[in-house]
C-alpha atoms as a PDB file:
ATOM      1  CA  MET A   1     -22.867  -2.427   6.435  1.00  0.00           C
ATOM      2  CA  HIS A   2     -24.653  -0.229   3.977  1.00  0.00           C
ATOM      3  CA  THR A   3     -24.132  -1.351   0.405  1.00  0.00           C
ATOM      4  CA  GLN A   4     -23.761   2.167  -0.943  1.00  0.00           C
ATOM      5  CA  ALA A   5     -21.071   3.125   1.601  1.00  0.00           C
ATOM      6  CA  VAL A   6     -19.031   0.012   0.797  1.00  0.00           C
ATOM      7  CA  GLU A   7     -19.375   0.536  -2.954  1.00  0.00           C
ATOM      8  CA  ASN A   8     -18.294   4.174  -2.597  1.00  0.00           C
ATOM      9  CA  TYR A   9     -15.276   3.212  -0.491  1.00  0.00           C
ATOM     10  CA  ILE A  10     -14.172   0.603  -3.019  1.00  0.00           C
ATOM     11  CA  LEU A  11     -14.744   2.952  -5.945  1.00  0.00           C
ATOM     12  CA  MET A  12     -12.750   5.760  -4.355  1.00  0.00           C
ATOM     13  CA  ASN A  13      -9.880   3.585  -3.093  1.00  0.00           C
ATOM     14  CA  GLN A  14      -9.504   0.695  -5.520  1.00  0.00           C
ATOM     15  CA  LYS A  15      -6.226   2.054  -6.903  1.00  0.00           C
ATOM     16  CA  TYR A  16      -4.669   1.551  -3.453  1.00  0.00           C
ATOM     17  CA  PHE A  17      -5.312  -2.208  -3.289  1.00  0.00           C
ATOM     18  CA  PRO A  18      -4.296  -5.278  -5.328  1.00  0.00           C
ATOM     19  CA  GLY A  19      -6.916  -5.959  -8.008  1.00  0.00           C
ATOM     20  CA  GLU A  20      -7.213  -9.632  -7.123  1.00  0.00           C
ATOM     21  CA  LYS A  21      -8.099  -8.808  -3.512  1.00  0.00           C
ATOM     22  CA  ILE A  22     -10.818  -6.202  -4.122  1.00  0.00           C
ATOM     23  CA  LEU A  23     -13.647  -8.757  -3.939  1.00  0.00           C
ATOM     24  CA  TYR A  24     -12.342 -10.176  -0.668  1.00  0.00           C
ATOM     25  CA  LEU A  25     -12.032  -6.661   0.752  1.00  0.00           C
ATOM     26  CA  LYS A  26     -15.576  -5.875  -0.314  1.00  0.00           C
ATOM     27  CA  GLU A  27     -16.892  -9.005   1.439  1.00  0.00           C
ATOM     28  CA  ARG A  28     -15.060  -8.076   4.645  1.00  0.00           C
ATOM     29  CA  LEU A  29     -16.430  -4.516   4.512  1.00  0.00           C
ATOM     30  CA  TYR A  30     -20.000  -5.808   4.216  1.00  0.00           C
ATOM     31  CA  ALA A  31     -19.457  -7.901   7.343  1.00  0.00           C
ATOM     32  CA  ILE A  32     -18.286  -5.105   9.678  1.00  0.00           C
ATOM     33  CA  ASP A  33     -20.350  -2.679  11.708  1.00  0.00           C
ATOM     34  CA  GLU A  34     -20.593   1.063  11.055  1.00  0.00           C
ATOM     35  CA  GLN A  35     -18.256   2.030  13.882  1.00  0.00           C
ATOM     36  CA  ARG A  36     -15.431  -0.063  12.485  1.00  0.00           C
ATOM     37  CA  PHE A  37     -16.225   1.145   8.969  1.00  0.00           C
ATOM     38  CA  SER A  38     -15.795   4.746  10.135  1.00  0.00           C
ATOM     39  CA  LEU A  39     -12.310   3.840  11.390  1.00  0.00           C
ATOM     40  CA  LEU A  40     -11.233   3.168   7.798  1.00  0.00           C
ATOM     41  CA  ALA A  41     -10.778   6.908   7.345  1.00  0.00           C
ATOM     42  CA  THR A  42      -7.911   6.752   9.849  1.00  0.00           C
ATOM     43  CA  VAL A  43      -5.912   4.234   7.804  1.00  0.00           C
ATOM     44  CA  ASN A  44      -2.992   5.904   6.058  1.00  0.00           C
ATOM     45  CA  LEU A  45      -3.094   4.557   2.487  1.00  0.00           C
ATOM     46  CA  LYS A  46      -0.022   5.157   0.367  1.00  0.00           C
ATOM     47  CA  ASP A  47      -0.428   6.097  -3.285  1.00  0.00           C
ATOM     48  CA  PRO A  48       1.401   3.548  -5.488  1.00  0.00           C
ATOM     49  CA  VAL A  49       2.147   6.171  -8.158  1.00  0.00           C
ATOM     50  CA  ALA A  50       3.662   8.566  -5.626  1.00  0.00           C
ATOM     51  CA  ILE A  51       5.817   5.785  -4.172  1.00  0.00           C
ATOM     52  CA  LEU A  52       6.949   4.854  -7.706  1.00  0.00           C
ATOM     53  CA  ILE A  53       7.984   8.452  -8.373  1.00  0.00           C
ATOM     54  CA  VAL A  54       9.902   8.539  -5.102  1.00  0.00           C
ATOM     55  CA  SER A  55      11.489   5.217  -6.070  1.00  0.00           C
ATOM     56  CA  ILE A  56      12.616   6.581  -9.423  1.00  0.00           C
ATOM     57  CA  PHE A  57      14.238   9.692  -7.970  1.00  0.00           C
ATOM     58  CA  LEU A  58      15.285   8.635  -4.450  1.00  0.00           C
ATOM     59  CA  GLY A  59      15.206   4.840  -4.618  1.00  0.00           C
ATOM     60  CA  SER A  60      18.981   4.448  -4.455  1.00  0.00           C
ATOM     61  CA  TRP A  61      18.865   5.827  -0.909  1.00  0.00           C
ATOM     62  CA  GLY A  62      16.014   3.514   0.127  1.00  0.00           C
ATOM     63  CA  ILE A  63      13.541   6.351   0.744  1.00  0.00           C
ATOM     64  CA  ASP A  64      10.780   4.401  -1.021  1.00  0.00           C
ATOM     65  CA  ARG A  65      11.208   1.427   1.294  1.00  0.00           C
ATOM     66  CA  PHE A  66      11.322   3.627   4.378  1.00  0.00           C
ATOM     67  CA  MET A  67       8.018   5.201   3.304  1.00  0.00           C
ATOM     68  CA  LEU A  68       6.419   1.751   3.102  1.00  0.00           C
ATOM     69  CA  GLY A  69       7.734   0.724   6.489  1.00  0.00           C
ATOM     70  CA  ASP A  70      10.241  -1.763   5.067  1.00  0.00           C
ATOM     71  CA  ILE A  71      13.005  -0.420   7.298  1.00  0.00           C
ATOM     72  CA  GLY A  72      15.372  -3.352   6.792  1.00  0.00           C
ATOM     73  CA  LEU A  73      15.247  -3.106   3.005  1.00  0.00           C
ATOM     74  CA  GLY A  74      15.534   0.672   3.215  1.00  0.00           C
ATOM     75  CA  ILE A  75      18.721   0.395   5.255  1.00  0.00           C
ATOM     76  CA  LEU A  76      20.080  -2.261   2.875  1.00  0.00           C
ATOM     77  CA  LYS A  77      19.423  -0.032  -0.134  1.00  0.00           C
ATOM     78  CA  LEU A  78      20.916   2.962   1.669  1.00  0.00           C
ATOM     79  CA  LEU A  79      24.110   1.156   2.635  1.00  0.00           C
ATOM     80  CA  THR A  80      24.609  -0.461  -0.775  1.00  0.00           C
ATOM     81  CA  LEU A  81      23.105   2.356  -2.853  1.00  0.00           C
ATOM     82  CA  GLY A  82      20.650  -0.164  -4.238  1.00  0.00           C
ATOM     83  CA  VAL A  83      23.506  -2.576  -5.017  1.00  0.00           C
ATOM     84  CA  PHE A  84      24.806   0.061  -7.356  1.00  0.00           C
ATOM     85  CA  GLY A  85      21.451   0.578  -9.034  1.00  0.00           C
ATOM     86  CA  ILE A  86      20.315  -2.989  -9.680  1.00  0.00           C
ATOM     87  CA  PHE A  87      18.035  -3.258  -6.635  1.00  0.00           C
ATOM     88  CA  THR A  88      16.700   0.216  -7.437  1.00  0.00           C
ATOM     89  CA  ILE A  89      15.780  -0.756 -11.000  1.00  0.00           C
ATOM     90  CA  VAL A  90      14.136  -3.979  -9.806  1.00  0.00           C
ATOM     91  CA  ASP A  91      12.139  -1.937  -7.304  1.00  0.00           C
ATOM     92  CA  TRP A  92      10.762   0.242 -10.102  1.00  0.00           C
ATOM     93  CA  PHE A  93       8.841  -2.813 -11.274  1.00  0.00           C
ATOM     94  CA  LEU A  94       7.890  -4.152  -7.834  1.00  0.00           C
ATOM     95  CA  ILE A  95       7.249  -1.121  -5.647  1.00  0.00           C
ATOM     96  CA  SER A  96       3.707  -0.325  -6.851  1.00  0.00           C
ATOM     97  CA  ALA A  97       2.510  -3.862  -6.189  1.00  0.00           C
ATOM     98  CA  ARG A  98       4.240  -3.854  -2.797  1.00  0.00           C
ATOM     99  CA  THR A  99       2.536  -0.551  -1.926  1.00  0.00           C
ATOM    100  CA  ARG A 100      -0.888  -1.970  -2.779  1.00  0.00           C
ATOM    101  CA  GLU A 101      -0.185  -5.069  -0.710  1.00  0.00           C
ATOM    102  CA  LYS A 102       0.913  -2.981   2.290  1.00  0.00           C
ATOM    103  CA  ASN A 103      -2.282  -0.904   2.024  1.00  0.00           C
ATOM    104  CA  PHE A 104      -4.348  -4.090   1.959  1.00  0.00           C
ATOM    105  CA  GLU A 105      -2.521  -5.413   5.042  1.00  0.00           C
ATOM    106  CA  ARG A 106      -3.179  -2.163   6.926  1.00  0.00           C
ATOM    107  CA  VAL A 107      -6.905  -2.278   6.182  1.00  0.00           C
ATOM    108  CA  MET A 108      -7.159  -5.977   7.021  1.00  0.00           C
ATOM    109  CA  ALA A 109      -5.439  -5.366  10.360  1.00  0.00           C
ATOM    110  CA  LEU A 110      -8.172  -2.867  11.193  1.00  0.00           C
ATOM    111  CA  LEU A 111     -10.981  -5.184  10.093  1.00  0.00           C
ATOM    112  CA  TYR A 112      -9.941  -8.108  12.308  1.00  0.00           C
END
């Protein structure tokens, strides 16, 4: 893959991925062909800041977890109202990292 295209992709999207996995992602991107690289534009990356804001305002109803595809946890939070706020507050600290991890998993699924 072209070095400049990979560097641009990483530069533009690094906020969507865990910091410790950026180098691994970069290595995988260098190894793929251009056709597969063009498919990266179809991957729906979630913004960790946007998910955090949703979590702050609508987290008690599990909307943040539904947006990430964690349907089971979303239903649990909805039925228990975030265990009366405790699960919601814990999620405020965990949801951004979980969003980055989900984005990484989506991209890796496309690369393999």
